[in-house]
């Protein structure tokens, strides 16, 4: 049994999840916390619920706990993709028309050269 310090319930271990920091809470509390953070646009850095912990939630934890909420999980994944693209200047959204929503990476391109098929790598 695990005591969830959010709802104060004693829960079976298989109904709880542990973040990378080691803090465990029941899946219902995790689900509520994650859903609120994602809805508020904070999906990029969702922190553990433990007081003053500050450790970002593992992607595996979010994926497992939010598996039953497809729209929230899709928003979480899109936010991570956008975050990756902001941090990596060689990654951009595909310029196709109509827009396909895929990301591509420019591997190498000299300022005065033309783009070749091998210069791009598809991400999504």
PDB file of N, CA and C in Angstrom:
ATOM      1  N   UNK A   1       0.835  -1.185   0.000  1.00  0.00           N
ATOM      2  CA  UNK A   1       0.000   0.000   0.000  1.00  0.00           C
ATOM      3  C   UNK A   1       0.884   1.254   0.000  1.00  0.00           C
ATOM      4  N   UNK A   2       0.398   2.245  -0.725  1.00  0.00           N
ATOM      5  CA  UNK A   2       1.091   3.532  -0.791  1.00  0.00           C
ATOM      6  C   UNK A   2       0.114   4.603  -0.331  1.00  0.00           C
ATOM      7  N   UNK A   3       0.602   5.483   0.538  1.00  0.00           N
ATOM      8  CA  UNK A   3      -0.242   6.586   0.983  1.00  0.00           C
ATOM      9  C   UNK A   3       0.003   7.766   0.059  1.00  0.00           C
ATOM     10  N   UNK A   4      -1.038   8.161  -0.688  1.00  0.00           N
ATOM     11  CA  UNK A   4      -0.952   9.319  -1.573  1.00  0.00           C
ATOM     12  C   UNK A   4      -1.049  10.571  -0.699  1.00  0.00           C
ATOM     13  N   UNK A   5      -0.009  11.376  -0.716  1.00  0.00           N
ATOM     14  CA  UNK A   5       0.010  12.565   0.140  1.00  0.00           C
ATOM     15  C   UNK A   5      -0.814  13.723  -0.428  1.00  0.00           C
ATOM     16  N   UNK A   6      -1.437  13.519  -1.585  1.00  0.00           N
ATOM     17  CA  UNK A   6      -2.323  14.545  -2.142  1.00  0.00           C
ATOM     18  C   UNK A   6      -3.743  14.314  -1.656  1.00  0.00           C
ATOM     19  N   UNK A   7      -4.276  13.101  -1.907  1.00  0.00           N
ATOM     20  CA  UNK A   7      -5.664  12.810  -1.505  1.00  0.00           C
ATOM     21  C   UNK A   7      -5.743  12.111  -0.149  1.00  0.00           C
ATOM     22  N   UNK A   8      -4.578  11.764   0.398  1.00  0.00           N
ATOM     23  CA  UNK A   8      -4.469  11.109   1.704  1.00  0.00           C
ATOM     24  C   UNK A   8      -5.110   9.721   1.746  1.00  0.00           C
ATOM     25  N   UNK A   9      -5.197   9.067   0.612  1.00  0.00           N
ATOM     26  CA  UNK A   9      -5.766   7.708   0.545  1.00  0.00           C
ATOM     27  C   UNK A   9      -4.643   6.678   0.543  1.00  0.00           C
ATOM     28  N   UNK A  10      -4.934   5.520   1.125  1.00  0.00           N
ATOM     29  CA  UNK A  10      -4.033   4.387   1.000  1.00  0.00           C
ATOM     30  C   UNK A  10      -4.425   3.654  -0.270  1.00  0.00           C
ATOM     31  N   UNK A  11      -3.474   3.507  -1.194  1.00  0.00           N
ATOM     32  CA  UNK A  11      -3.763   2.941  -2.507  1.00  0.00           C
ATOM     33  C   UNK A  11      -2.879   1.733  -2.774  1.00  0.00           C
ATOM     34  N   UNK A  12      -3.419   0.813  -3.539  1.00  0.00           N
ATOM     35  CA  UNK A  12      -2.624  -0.329  -4.000  1.00  0.00           C
ATOM     36  C   UNK A  12      -1.492   0.190  -4.877  1.00  0.00           C
ATOM     37  N   UNK A  13      -0.351  -0.444  -4.803  1.00  0.00           N
ATOM     38  CA  UNK A  13       0.817   0.008  -5.557  1.00  0.00           C
ATOM     39  C   UNK A  13       0.561   0.044  -7.063  1.00  0.00           C
ATOM     40  N   UNK A  14      -0.265  -0.866  -7.567  1.00  0.00           N
ATOM     41  CA  UNK A  14      -0.517  -0.899  -9.009  1.00  0.00           C
ATOM     42  C   UNK A  14      -1.460   0.216  -9.477  1.00  0.00           C
ATOM     43  N   UNK A  15      -2.001   0.998  -8.561  1.00  0.00           N
ATOM     44  CA  UNK A  15      -2.837   2.148  -8.921  1.00  0.00           C
ATOM     45  C   UNK A  15      -2.092   3.461  -8.679  1.00  0.00           C
ATOM     46  N   UNK A  16      -0.777   3.360  -8.473  1.00  0.00           N
ATOM     47  CA  UNK A  16       0.056   4.533  -8.213  1.00  0.00           C
ATOM     48  C   UNK A  16       1.202   4.583  -9.220  1.00  0.00           C
ATOM     49  N   UNK A  17       1.781   5.756  -9.369  1.00  0.00           N
ATOM     50  CA  UNK A  17       2.935   5.933 -10.249  1.00  0.00           C
ATOM     51  C   UNK A  17       3.980   6.770  -9.526  1.00  0.00           C
ATOM     52  N   UNK A  18       5.235   6.490  -9.864  1.00  0.00           N
ATOM     53  CA  UNK A  18       6.365   7.169  -9.242  1.00  0.00           C
ATOM     54  C   UNK A  18       7.108   7.966 -10.297  1.00  0.00           C
ATOM     55  N   UNK A  19       7.430   9.201  -9.970  1.00  0.00           N
ATOM     56  CA  UNK A  19       8.212  10.052 -10.860  1.00  0.00           C
ATOM     57  C   UNK A  19       9.692   9.689 -10.709  1.00  0.00           C
ATOM     58  N   UNK A  20      10.526  10.210 -11.577  1.00  0.00           N
ATOM     59  CA  UNK A  20      11.958   9.941 -11.531  1.00  0.00           C
ATOM     60  C   UNK A  20      12.617  10.380 -10.234  1.00  0.00           C
ATOM     61  N   UNK A  21      11.998  11.298  -9.526  1.00  0.00           N
ATOM     62  CA  UNK A  21      12.536  11.778  -8.251  1.00  0.00           C
ATOM     63  C   UNK A  21      12.241  10.807  -7.114  1.00  0.00           C
ATOM     64  N   UNK A  22      11.359   9.828  -7.364  1.00  0.00           N
ATOM     65  CA  UNK A  22      11.007   8.847  -6.345  1.00  0.00           C
ATOM     66  C   UNK A  22       9.698   9.118  -5.632  1.00  0.00           C
ATOM     67  N   UNK A  23       9.069  10.253  -5.880  1.00  0.00           N
ATOM     68  CA  UNK A  23       7.792  10.557  -5.234  1.00  0.00           C
ATOM     69  C   UNK A  23       6.660   9.808  -5.937  1.00  0.00           C
ATOM     70  N   UNK A  24       5.830   9.153  -5.127  1.00  0.00           N
ATOM     71  CA  UNK A  24       4.720   8.352  -5.650  1.00  0.00           C
ATOM     72  C   UNK A  24       3.388   8.944  -5.207  1.00  0.00           C
ATOM     73  N   UNK A  25       2.436   8.951  -6.127  1.00  0.00           N
ATOM     74  CA  UNK A  25       1.077   9.415  -5.862  1.00  0.00           C
ATOM     75  C   UNK A  25       0.119   8.499  -6.602  1.00  0.00           C
ATOM     76  N   UNK A  26      -1.134   8.528  -6.205  1.00  0.00           N
ATOM     77  CA  UNK A  26      -2.114   7.695  -6.905  1.00  0.00           C
ATOM     78  C   UNK A  26      -2.316   8.238  -8.320  1.00  0.00           C
ATOM     79  N   UNK A  27      -2.685   7.353  -9.238  1.00  0.00           N
ATOM     80  CA  UNK A  27      -2.851   7.752 -10.633  1.00  0.00           C
ATOM     81  C   UNK A  27      -3.962   8.781 -10.820  1.00  0.00           C
ATOM     82  N   UNK A  28      -4.996   8.739  -9.984  1.00  0.00           N
ATOM     83  CA  UNK A  28      -6.064   9.737 -10.087  1.00  0.00           C
ATOM     84  C   UNK A  28      -5.519  11.140  -9.803  1.00  0.00           C
ATOM     85  N   UNK A  29      -4.691  11.268  -8.781  1.00  0.00           N
ATOM     86  CA  UNK A  29      -4.102  12.570  -8.459  1.00  0.00           C
ATOM     87  C   UNK A  29      -3.113  13.005  -9.540  1.00  0.00           C
ATOM     88  N   UNK A  30      -2.298  12.067 -10.007  1.00  0.00           N
ATOM     89  CA  UNK A  30      -1.382  12.385 -11.106  1.00  0.00           C
ATOM     90  C   UNK A  30      -2.174  12.866 -12.313  1.00  0.00           C
ATOM     91  N   UNK A  31      -3.223  12.138 -12.678  1.00  0.00           N
ATOM     92  CA  UNK A  31      -4.025  12.461 -13.858  1.00  0.00           C
ATOM     93  C   UNK A  31      -4.613  13.869 -13.742  1.00  0.00           C
ATOM     94  N   UNK A  32      -5.138  14.195 -12.586  1.00  0.00           N
ATOM     95  CA  UNK A  32      -5.704  15.534 -12.371  1.00  0.00           C
ATOM     96  C   UNK A  32      -4.625  16.611 -12.494  1.00  0.00           C
ATOM     97  N   UNK A  33      -3.501  16.386 -11.850  1.00  0.00           N
ATOM     98  CA  UNK A  33      -2.394  17.343 -11.884  1.00  0.00           C
ATOM     99  C   UNK A  33      -1.890  17.549 -13.309  1.00  0.00           C
ATOM    100  N   UNK A  34      -1.654  16.447 -14.016  1.00  0.00           N
ATOM    101  CA  UNK A  34      -1.134  16.529 -15.381  1.00  0.00           C
ATOM    102  C   UNK A  34      -2.129  17.209 -16.312  1.00  0.00           C
ATOM    103  N   UNK A  35      -3.408  16.868 -16.180  1.00  0.00           N
ATOM    104  CA  UNK A  35      -4.436  17.461 -17.038  1.00  0.00           C
ATOM    105  C   UNK A  35      -4.499  18.978 -16.864  1.00  0.00           C
ATOM    106  N   UNK A  36      -4.422  19.442 -15.633  1.00  0.00           N
ATOM    107  CA  UNK A  36      -4.456  20.885 -15.372  1.00  0.00           C
ATOM    108  C   UNK A  36      -3.222  21.560 -15.959  1.00  0.00           C
ATOM    109  N   UNK A  37      -2.053  20.985 -15.735  1.00  0.00           N
ATOM    110  CA  UNK A  37      -0.817  21.577 -16.248  1.00  0.00           C
ATOM    111  C   UNK A  37      -0.817  21.638 -17.774  1.00  0.00           C
ATOM    112  N   UNK A  38      -1.263  20.571 -18.416  1.00  0.00           N
ATOM    113  CA  UNK A  38      -1.320  20.540 -19.872  1.00  0.00           C
ATOM    114  C   UNK A  38      -2.332  21.563 -20.382  1.00  0.00           C
ATOM    115  N   UNK A  39      -3.501  21.618 -19.769  1.00  0.00           N
ATOM    116  CA  UNK A  39      -4.551  22.563 -20.184  1.00  0.00           C
ATOM    117  C   UNK A  39      -4.098  24.015 -20.024  1.00  0.00           C
ATOM    118  N   UNK A  40      -3.267  24.283 -19.027  1.00  0.00           N
ATOM    119  CA  UNK A  40      -2.777  25.643 -18.781  1.00  0.00           C
ATOM    120  C   UNK A  40      -1.548  25.984 -19.618  1.00  0.00           C
ATOM    121  N   UNK A  41      -1.148  25.072 -20.514  1.00  0.00           N
ATOM    122  CA  UNK A  41      -0.013  25.331 -21.392  1.00  0.00           C
ATOM    123  C   UNK A  41       1.339  25.127 -20.756  1.00  0.00           C
ATOM    124  N   UNK A  42       1.393  24.375 -19.680  1.00  0.00           N
ATOM    125  CA  UNK A  42       2.662  24.149 -18.971  1.00  0.00           C
ATOM    126  C   UNK A  42       3.227  22.760 -19.250  1.00  0.00           C
ATOM    127  N   UNK A  43       2.865  22.185 -20.386  1.00  0.00           N
ATOM    128  CA  UNK A  43       3.250  20.804 -20.689  1.00  0.00           C
ATOM    129  C   UNK A  43       4.756  20.608 -20.814  1.00  0.00           C
ATOM    130  N   UNK A  44       5.482  21.637 -21.140  1.00  0.00           N
ATOM    131  CA  UNK A  44       6.922  21.489 -21.346  1.00  0.00           C
ATOM    132  C   UNK A  44       7.681  21.191 -20.066  1.00  0.00           C
ATOM    133  N   UNK A  45       7.198  21.699 -18.955  1.00  0.00           N
ATOM    134  CA  UNK A  45       7.917  21.512 -17.689  1.00  0.00           C
ATOM    135  C   UNK A  45       6.946  21.249 -16.553  1.00  0.00           C
ATOM    136  N   UNK A  46       6.283  20.109 -16.607  1.00  0.00           N
ATOM    137  CA  UNK A  46       5.370  19.735 -15.532  1.00  0.00           C
ATOM    138  C   UNK A  46       6.205  19.174 -14.389  1.00  0.00           C
ATOM    139  N   UNK A  47       6.097  19.787 -13.242  1.00  0.00           N
ATOM    140  CA  UNK A  47       6.897  19.359 -12.090  1.00  0.00           C
ATOM    141  C   UNK A  47       6.128  18.399 -11.186  1.00  0.00           C
ATOM    142  N   UNK A  48       6.874  17.644 -10.440  1.00  0.00           N
ATOM    143  CA  UNK A  48       6.340  16.728  -9.435  1.00  0.00           C
ATOM    144  C   UNK A  48       5.448  17.495  -8.465  1.00  0.00           C
ATOM    145  N   UNK A  49       4.449  16.821  -7.932  1.00  0.00           N
ATOM    146  CA  UNK A  49       3.517  17.445  -6.994  1.00  0.00           C
ATOM    147  C   UNK A  49       4.067  17.580  -5.589  1.00  0.00           C
ATOM    148  N   UNK A  50       5.137  16.882  -5.277  1.00  0.00           N
ATOM    149  CA  UNK A  50       5.684  16.940  -3.922  1.00  0.00           C
ATOM    150  C   UNK A  50       6.186  18.345  -3.600  1.00  0.00           C
ATOM    151  N   UNK A  51       5.905  18.804  -2.398  1.00  0.00           N
ATOM    152  CA  UNK A  51       6.249  20.155  -1.964  1.00  0.00           C
ATOM    153  C   UNK A  51       7.729  20.441  -2.175  1.00  0.00           C
ATOM    154  N   UNK A  52       8.022  21.499  -2.911  1.00  0.00           N
ATOM    155  CA  UNK A  52       9.375  21.974  -3.190  1.00  0.00           C
ATOM    156  C   UNK A  52      10.254  20.968  -3.931  1.00  0.00           C
ATOM    157  N   UNK A  53       9.666  19.989  -4.610  1.00  0.00           N
ATOM    158  CA  UNK A  53      10.479  19.012  -5.333  1.00  0.00           C
ATOM    159  C   UNK A  53      11.081  19.639  -6.597  1.00  0.00           C
ATOM    160  N   UNK A  54      10.238  20.102  -7.501  1.00  0.00           N
ATOM    161  CA  UNK A  54      10.722  20.776  -8.700  1.00  0.00           C
ATOM    162  C   UNK A  54      11.246  19.893  -9.808  1.00  0.00           C
ATOM    163  N   UNK A  55      11.278  18.563  -9.615  1.00  0.00           N
ATOM    164  CA  UNK A  55      11.757  17.668 -10.665  1.00  0.00           C
ATOM    165  C   UNK A  55      10.679  17.548 -11.747  1.00  0.00           C
ATOM    166  N   UNK A  56      11.096  17.683 -12.998  1.00  0.00           N
ATOM    167  CA  UNK A  56      10.163  17.590 -14.119  1.00  0.00           C
ATOM    168  C   UNK A  56       9.679  16.148 -14.253  1.00  0.00           C
ATOM    169  N   UNK A  57       8.397  15.991 -14.531  1.00  0.00           N
ATOM    170  CA  UNK A  57       7.807  14.654 -14.673  1.00  0.00           C
ATOM    171  C   UNK A  57       8.369  13.926 -15.886  1.00  0.00           C
ATOM    172  N   UNK A  58       8.630  12.656 -15.707  1.00  0.00           N
ATOM    173  CA  UNK A  58       9.124  11.806 -16.785  1.00  0.00           C
ATOM    174  C   UNK A  58       8.091  11.722 -17.905  1.00  0.00           C
ATOM    175  N   UNK A  59       8.560  11.699 -19.144  1.00  0.00           N
ATOM    176  CA  UNK A  59       7.660  11.556 -20.285  1.00  0.00           C
ATOM    177  C   UNK A  59       6.906  10.222 -20.208  1.00  0.00           C
ATOM    178  N   UNK A  60       7.578   9.171 -19.743  1.00  0.00           N
ATOM    179  CA  UNK A  60       6.922   7.858 -19.608  1.00  0.00           C
ATOM    180  C   UNK A  60       5.772   7.921 -18.613  1.00  0.00           C
ATOM    181  N   UNK A  61       5.957   8.635 -17.511  1.00  0.00           N
ATOM    182  CA  UNK A  61       4.906   8.792 -16.511  1.00  0.00           C
ATOM    183  C   UNK A  61       3.695   9.487 -17.128  1.00  0.00           C
ATOM    184  N   UNK A  62       3.926  10.593 -17.817  1.00  0.00           N
ATOM    185  CA  UNK A  62       2.829  11.347 -18.431  1.00  0.00           C
ATOM    186  C   UNK A  62       2.109  10.492 -19.462  1.00  0.00           C
ATOM    187  N   UNK A  63       2.848   9.804 -20.302  1.00  0.00           N
ATOM    188  CA  UNK A  63       2.249   8.966 -21.341  1.00  0.00           C
ATOM    189  C   UNK A  63       1.409   7.852 -20.737  1.00  0.00           C
ATOM    190  N   UNK A  64       1.913   7.213 -19.706  1.00  0.00           N
ATOM    191  CA  UNK A  64       1.191   6.095 -19.071  1.00  0.00           C
ATOM    192  C   UNK A  64      -0.068   6.575 -18.347  1.00  0.00           C
ATOM    193  N   UNK A  65       0.067   7.625 -17.547  1.00  0.00           N
ATOM    194  CA  UNK A  65      -1.050   8.102 -16.731  1.00  0.00           C
ATOM    195  C   UNK A  65      -2.125   8.771 -17.591  1.00  0.00           C
ATOM    196  N   UNK A  66      -1.711   9.447 -18.665  1.00  0.00           N
ATOM    197  CA  UNK A  66      -2.664  10.178 -19.501  1.00  0.00           C
ATOM    198  C   UNK A  66      -3.135   9.380 -20.714  1.00  0.00           C
ATOM    199  N   UNK A  67      -2.829   8.099 -20.760  1.00  0.00           N
ATOM    200  CA  UNK A  67      -3.193   7.276 -21.916  1.00  0.00           C
ATOM    201  C   UNK A  67      -4.686   7.307 -22.229  1.00  0.00           C
ATOM    202  N   UNK A  68      -5.524   7.472 -21.225  1.00  0.00           N
ATOM    203  CA  UNK A  68      -6.974   7.480 -21.438  1.00  0.00           C
ATOM    204  C   UNK A  68      -7.509   8.845 -21.872  1.00  0.00           C
ATOM    205  N   UNK A  69      -6.648   9.873 -21.906  1.00  0.00           N
ATOM    206  CA  UNK A  69      -7.059  11.218 -22.311  1.00  0.00           C
ATOM    207  C   UNK A  69      -6.297  11.614 -23.573  1.00  0.00           C
ATOM    208  N   UNK A  70      -6.759  11.101 -24.709  1.00  0.00           N
ATOM    209  CA  UNK A  70      -6.059  11.307 -25.984  1.00  0.00           C
ATOM    210  C   UNK A  70      -5.840  12.780 -26.337  1.00  0.00           C
ATOM    211  N   UNK A  71      -6.838  13.664 -26.169  1.00  0.00           N
ATOM    212  CA  UNK A  71      -6.590  15.075 -26.517  1.00  0.00           C
ATOM    213  C   UNK A  71      -5.487  15.722 -25.666  1.00  0.00           C
ATOM    214  N   UNK A  72      -5.486  15.451 -24.376  1.00  0.00           N
ATOM    215  CA  UNK A  72      -4.452  16.020 -23.500  1.00  0.00           C
ATOM    216  C   UNK A  72      -3.082  15.453 -23.845  1.00  0.00           C
ATOM    217  N   UNK A  73      -3.027  14.170 -24.126  1.00  0.00           N
ATOM    218  CA  UNK A  73      -1.758  13.542 -24.483  1.00  0.00           C
ATOM    219  C   UNK A  73      -1.234  14.096 -25.809  1.00  0.00           C
ATOM    220  N   UNK A  74      -2.127  14.326 -26.762  1.00  0.00           N
ATOM    221  CA  UNK A  74      -1.725  14.911 -28.046  1.00  0.00           C
ATOM    222  C   UNK A  74      -1.177  16.325 -27.836  1.00  0.00           C
ATOM    223  N   UNK A  75      -1.813  17.111 -26.995  1.00  0.00           N
ATOM    224  CA  UNK A  75      -1.352  18.469 -26.699  1.00  0.00           C
ATOM    225  C   UNK A  75       0.012  18.431 -26.016  1.00  0.00           C
ATOM    226  N   UNK A  76       0.200  17.487 -25.104  1.00  0.00           N
ATOM    227  CA  UNK A  76       1.485  17.306 -24.417  1.00  0.00           C
ATOM    228  C   UNK A  76       2.588  16.979 -25.430  1.00  0.00           C
ATOM    229  N   UNK A  77       2.318  16.043 -26.324  1.00  0.00           N
ATOM    230  CA  UNK A  77       3.320  15.643 -27.327  1.00  0.00           C
ATOM    231  C   UNK A  77       3.641  16.788 -28.283  1.00  0.00           C
ATOM    232  N   UNK A  78       2.617  17.520 -28.704  1.00  0.00           N
ATOM    233  CA  UNK A  78       2.837  18.660 -29.606  1.00  0.00           C
ATOM    234  C   UNK A  78       3.702  19.712 -28.917  1.00  0.00           C
ATOM    235  N   UNK A  79       3.463  19.956 -27.657  1.00  0.00           N
ATOM    236  CA  UNK A  79       4.253  20.924 -26.904  1.00  0.00           C
ATOM    237  C   UNK A  79       5.710  20.496 -26.823  1.00  0.00           C
ATOM    238  N   UNK A  80       5.942  19.194 -26.637  1.00  0.00           N
ATOM    239  CA  UNK A  80       7.318  18.699 -26.592  1.00  0.00           C
ATOM    240  C   UNK A  80       8.007  18.846 -27.941  1.00  0.00           C
ATOM    241  N   UNK A  81       7.287  18.592 -29.013  1.00  0.00           N
ATOM    242  CA  UNK A  81       7.851  18.760 -30.349  1.00  0.00           C
ATOM    243  C   UNK A  81       8.228  20.220 -30.580  1.00  0.00           C
ATOM    244  N   UNK A  82       7.336  21.135 -30.228  1.00  0.00           N
ATOM    245  CA  UNK A  82       7.609  22.559 -30.409  1.00  0.00           C
ATOM    246  C   UNK A  82       8.794  23.006 -29.553  1.00  0.00           C
ATOM    247  N   UNK A  83       8.901  22.482 -28.350  1.00  0.00           N
ATOM    248  CA  UNK A  83      10.017  22.805 -27.470  1.00  0.00           C
ATOM    249  C   UNK A  83      11.333  22.326 -28.081  1.00  0.00           C
ATOM    250  N   UNK A  84      11.328  21.114 -28.621  1.00  0.00           N
ATOM    251  CA  UNK A  84      12.526  20.569 -29.270  1.00  0.00           C
ATOM    252  C   UNK A  84      12.924  21.445 -30.449  1.00  0.00           C
ATOM    253  N   UNK A  85      11.925  21.872 -31.214  1.00  0.00           N
ATOM    254  CA  UNK A  85      12.208  22.690 -32.390  1.00  0.00           C
ATOM    255  C   UNK A  85      12.751  24.063 -31.998  1.00  0.00           C
ATOM    256  N   UNK A  86      12.251  24.632 -30.932  1.00  0.00           N
ATOM    257  CA  UNK A  86      12.762  25.924 -30.467  1.00  0.00           C
ATOM    258  C   UNK A  86      14.212  25.821 -30.026  1.00  0.00           C
ATOM    259  N   UNK A  87      14.592  24.689 -29.459  1.00  0.00           N
ATOM    260  CA  UNK A  87      15.950  24.484 -28.956  1.00  0.00           C
ATOM    261  C   UNK A  87      16.926  24.044 -30.040  1.00  0.00           C
ATOM    262  N   UNK A  88      16.417  23.629 -31.195  1.00  0.00           N
ATOM    263  CA  UNK A  88      17.252  23.104 -32.280  1.00  0.00           C
ATOM    264  C   UNK A  88      16.949  23.884 -33.552  1.00  0.00           C
ATOM    265  N   UNK A  89      17.808  24.826 -33.874  1.00  0.00           N
ATOM    266  CA  UNK A  89      17.560  25.742 -34.995  1.00  0.00           C
ATOM    267  C   UNK A  89      17.585  25.049 -36.359  1.00  0.00           C
ATOM    268  N   UNK A  90      18.110  23.825 -36.441  1.00  0.00           N
ATOM    269  CA  UNK A  90      18.115  23.104 -37.709  1.00  0.00           C
ATOM    270  C   UNK A  90      16.829  22.314 -37.932  1.00  0.00           C
ATOM    271  N   UNK A  91      15.904  22.392 -36.991  1.00  0.00           N
ATOM    272  CA  UNK A  91      14.642  21.662 -37.117  1.00  0.00           C
ATOM    273  C   UNK A  91      13.526  22.680 -37.341  1.00  0.00           C
ATOM    274  N   UNK A  92      12.739  22.428 -38.393  1.00  0.00           N
ATOM    275  CA  UNK A  92      11.627  23.322 -38.735  1.00  0.00           C
ATOM    276  C   UNK A  92      10.422  22.477 -39.146  1.00  0.00           C
ATOM    277  N   UNK A  93       9.270  23.112 -39.160  1.00  0.00           N
ATOM    278  CA  UNK A  93       8.103  22.421 -39.701  1.00  0.00           C
ATOM    279  C   UNK A  93       8.251  22.324 -41.207  1.00  0.00           C
ATOM    280  N   UNK A  94       7.795  21.231 -41.757  1.00  0.00           N
ATOM    281  CA  UNK A  94       7.823  20.995 -43.197  1.00  0.00           C
ATOM    282  C   UNK A  94       7.057  22.121 -43.891  1.00  0.00           C
ATOM    283  N   UNK A  95       7.626  22.687 -44.966  1.00  0.00           N
ATOM    284  CA  UNK A  95       6.973  23.807 -45.645  1.00  0.00           C
ATOM    285  C   UNK A  95       5.934  23.383 -46.684  1.00  0.00           C
ATOM    286  N   UNK A  96       5.489  22.153 -46.662  1.00  0.00           N
ATOM    287  CA  UNK A  96       4.565  21.668 -47.691  1.00  0.00           C
ATOM    288  C   UNK A  96       3.220  22.386 -47.650  1.00  0.00           C
ATOM    289  N   UNK A  97       2.579  22.413 -48.804  1.00  0.00           N
ATOM    290  CA  UNK A  97       1.221  22.954 -48.916  1.00  0.00           C
ATOM    291  C   UNK A  97       0.379  21.870 -49.573  1.00  0.00           C
ATOM    292  N   UNK A  98      -0.698  21.398 -48.983  1.00  0.00           N
ATOM    293  CA  UNK A  98      -1.206  21.834 -47.688  1.00  0.00           C
ATOM    294  C   UNK A  98      -0.277  21.381 -46.553  1.00  0.00           C
ATOM    295  N   UNK A  99      -0.377  22.078 -45.428  1.00  0.00           N
ATOM    296  CA  UNK A  99       0.498  21.833 -44.285  1.00  0.00           C
ATOM    297  C   UNK A  99       0.312  20.419 -43.768  1.00  0.00           C
ATOM    298  N   UNK A 100       1.410  19.678 -43.647  1.00  0.00           N
ATOM    299  CA  UNK A 100       1.344  18.290 -43.183  1.00  0.00           C
ATOM    300  C   UNK A 100       1.571  18.165 -41.679  1.00  0.00           C
ATOM    301  N   UNK A 101       2.125  19.207 -41.036  1.00  0.00           N
ATOM    302  CA  UNK A 101       2.358  19.176 -39.601  1.00  0.00           C
ATOM    303  C   UNK A 101       3.598  18.406 -39.193  1.00  0.00           C
ATOM    304  N   UNK A 102       4.401  17.989 -40.133  1.00  0.00           N
ATOM    305  CA  UNK A 102       5.611  17.216 -39.824  1.00  0.00           C
ATOM    306  C   UNK A 102       6.798  18.150 -39.612  1.00  0.00           C
ATOM    307  N   UNK A 103       7.766  17.662 -38.853  1.00  0.00           N
ATOM    308  CA  UNK A 103       8.994  18.416 -38.629  1.00  0.00           C
ATOM    309  C   UNK A 103      10.113  17.790 -39.435  1.00  0.00           C
ATOM    310  N   UNK A 104      11.014  18.629 -39.918  1.00  0.00           N
ATOM    311  CA  UNK A 104      12.169  18.152 -40.671  1.00  0.00           C
ATOM    312  C   UNK A 104      13.420  18.801 -40.109  1.00  0.00           C
ATOM    313  N   UNK A 105      14.540  18.109 -40.252  1.00  0.00           N
ATOM    314  CA  UNK A 105      15.819  18.635 -39.806  1.00  0.00           C
ATOM    315  C   UNK A 105      16.693  18.882 -41.018  1.00  0.00           C
ATOM    316  N   UNK A 106      17.272  20.079 -41.118  1.00  0.00           N
ATOM    317  CA  UNK A 106      18.231  20.390 -42.166  1.00  0.00           C
ATOM    318  C   UNK A 106      19.576  19.922 -41.635  1.00  0.00           C
ATOM    319  N   UNK A 107      20.121  18.870 -42.230  1.00  0.00           N
ATOM    320  CA  UNK A 107      21.380  18.294 -41.738  1.00  0.00           C
ATOM    321  C   UNK A 107      22.571  19.180 -42.068  1.00  0.00           C
ATOM    322  N   UNK A 108      22.667  19.625 -43.315  1.00  0.00           N
ATOM    323  CA  UNK A 108      23.763  20.509 -43.695  1.00  0.00           C
ATOM    324  C   UNK A 108      23.346  21.270 -44.935  1.00  0.00           C
ATOM    325  N   UNK A 109      23.616  22.534 -44.905  1.00  0.00           N
ATOM    326  CA  UNK A 109      23.263  23.360 -46.053  1.00  0.00           C
ATOM    327  C   UNK A 109      24.153  24.593 -46.028  1.00  0.00           C
ATOM    328  N   UNK A 110      25.000  24.704 -47.024  1.00  0.00           N
ATOM    329  CA  UNK A 110      25.853  25.876 -47.133  1.00  0.00           C
ATOM    330  C   UNK A 110      24.994  27.070 -47.551  1.00  0.00           C
ATOM    331  N   UNK A 111      25.379  28.277 -47.160  1.00  0.00           N
ATOM    332  CA  UNK A 111      24.561  29.457 -47.450  1.00  0.00           C
ATOM    333  C   UNK A 111      24.239  29.659 -48.927  1.00  0.00           C
ATOM    334  N   UNK A 112      25.131  29.246 -49.817  1.00  0.00           N
ATOM    335  CA  UNK A 112      24.903  29.493 -51.243  1.00  0.00           C
ATOM    336  C   UNK A 112      24.559  28.224 -52.023  1.00  0.00           C
ATOM    337  N   UNK A 113      24.180  27.148 -51.356  1.00  0.00           N
ATOM    338  CA  UNK A 113      23.867  25.896 -52.055  1.00  0.00           C
ATOM    339  C   UNK A 113      22.365  25.663 -52.102  1.00  0.00           C
ATOM    340  N   UNK A 114      21.981  24.739 -52.941  1.00  0.00           N
ATOM    341  CA  UNK A 114      20.564  24.389 -53.018  1.00  0.00           C
ATOM    342  C   UNK A 114      20.321  23.155 -52.154  1.00  0.00           C
ATOM    343  N   UNK A 115      19.101  23.003 -51.712  1.00  0.00           N
ATOM    344  CA  UNK A 115      18.752  21.899 -50.828  1.00  0.00           C
ATOM    345  C   UNK A 115      18.577  20.608 -51.624  1.00  0.00           C
ATOM    346  N   UNK A 116      19.141  19.537 -51.117  1.00  0.00           N
ATOM    347  CA  UNK A 116      19.027  18.220 -51.720  1.00  0.00           C
ATOM    348  C   UNK A 116      18.110  17.362 -50.872  1.00  0.00           C
ATOM    349  N   UNK A 117      17.569  16.292 -51.430  1.00  0.00           N
ATOM    350  CA  UNK A 117      16.669  15.410 -50.684  1.00  0.00           C
ATOM    351  C   UNK A 117      17.333  14.866 -49.421  1.00  0.00           C
ATOM    352  N   UNK A 118      18.639  14.586 -49.471  1.00  0.00           N
ATOM    353  CA  UNK A 118      19.344  14.031 -48.326  1.00  0.00           C
ATOM    354  C   UNK A 118      19.620  15.023 -47.215  1.00  0.00           C
ATOM    355  N   UNK A 119      19.321  16.308 -47.461  1.00  0.00           N
ATOM    356  CA  UNK A 119      19.565  17.334 -46.459  1.00  0.00           C
ATOM    357  C   UNK A 119      18.501  17.371 -45.379  1.00  0.00           C
ATOM    358  N   UNK A 120      17.391  16.665 -45.573  1.00  0.00           N
ATOM    359  CA  UNK A 120      16.270  16.688 -44.628  1.00  0.00           C
ATOM    360  C   UNK A 120      16.078  15.325 -44.002  1.00  0.00           C
ATOM    361  N   UNK A 121      15.672  15.329 -42.756  1.00  0.00           N
ATOM    362  CA  UNK A 121      15.311  14.103 -42.056  1.00  0.00           C
ATOM    363  C   UNK A 121      13.960  14.326 -41.421  1.00  0.00           C
ATOM    364  N   UNK A 122      13.026  13.419 -41.666  1.00  0.00           N
ATOM    365  CA  UNK A 122      11.657  13.548 -41.157  1.00  0.00           C
ATOM    366  C   UNK A 122      11.583  13.108 -39.704  1.00  0.00           C
ATOM    367  N   UNK A 123      10.851  13.842 -38.867  1.00  0.00           N
ATOM    368  CA  UNK A 123      10.711  13.538 -37.445  1.00  0.00           C
ATOM    369  C   UNK A 123       9.379  12.907 -37.104  1.00  0.00           C
ATOM    370  N   UNK A 124       8.294  13.434 -37.642  1.00  0.00           N
ATOM    371  CA  UNK A 124       6.958  12.977 -37.216  1.00  0.00           C
ATOM    372  C   UNK A 124       6.222  12.361 -38.364  1.00  0.00           C
TER     373      UNK A 124
END
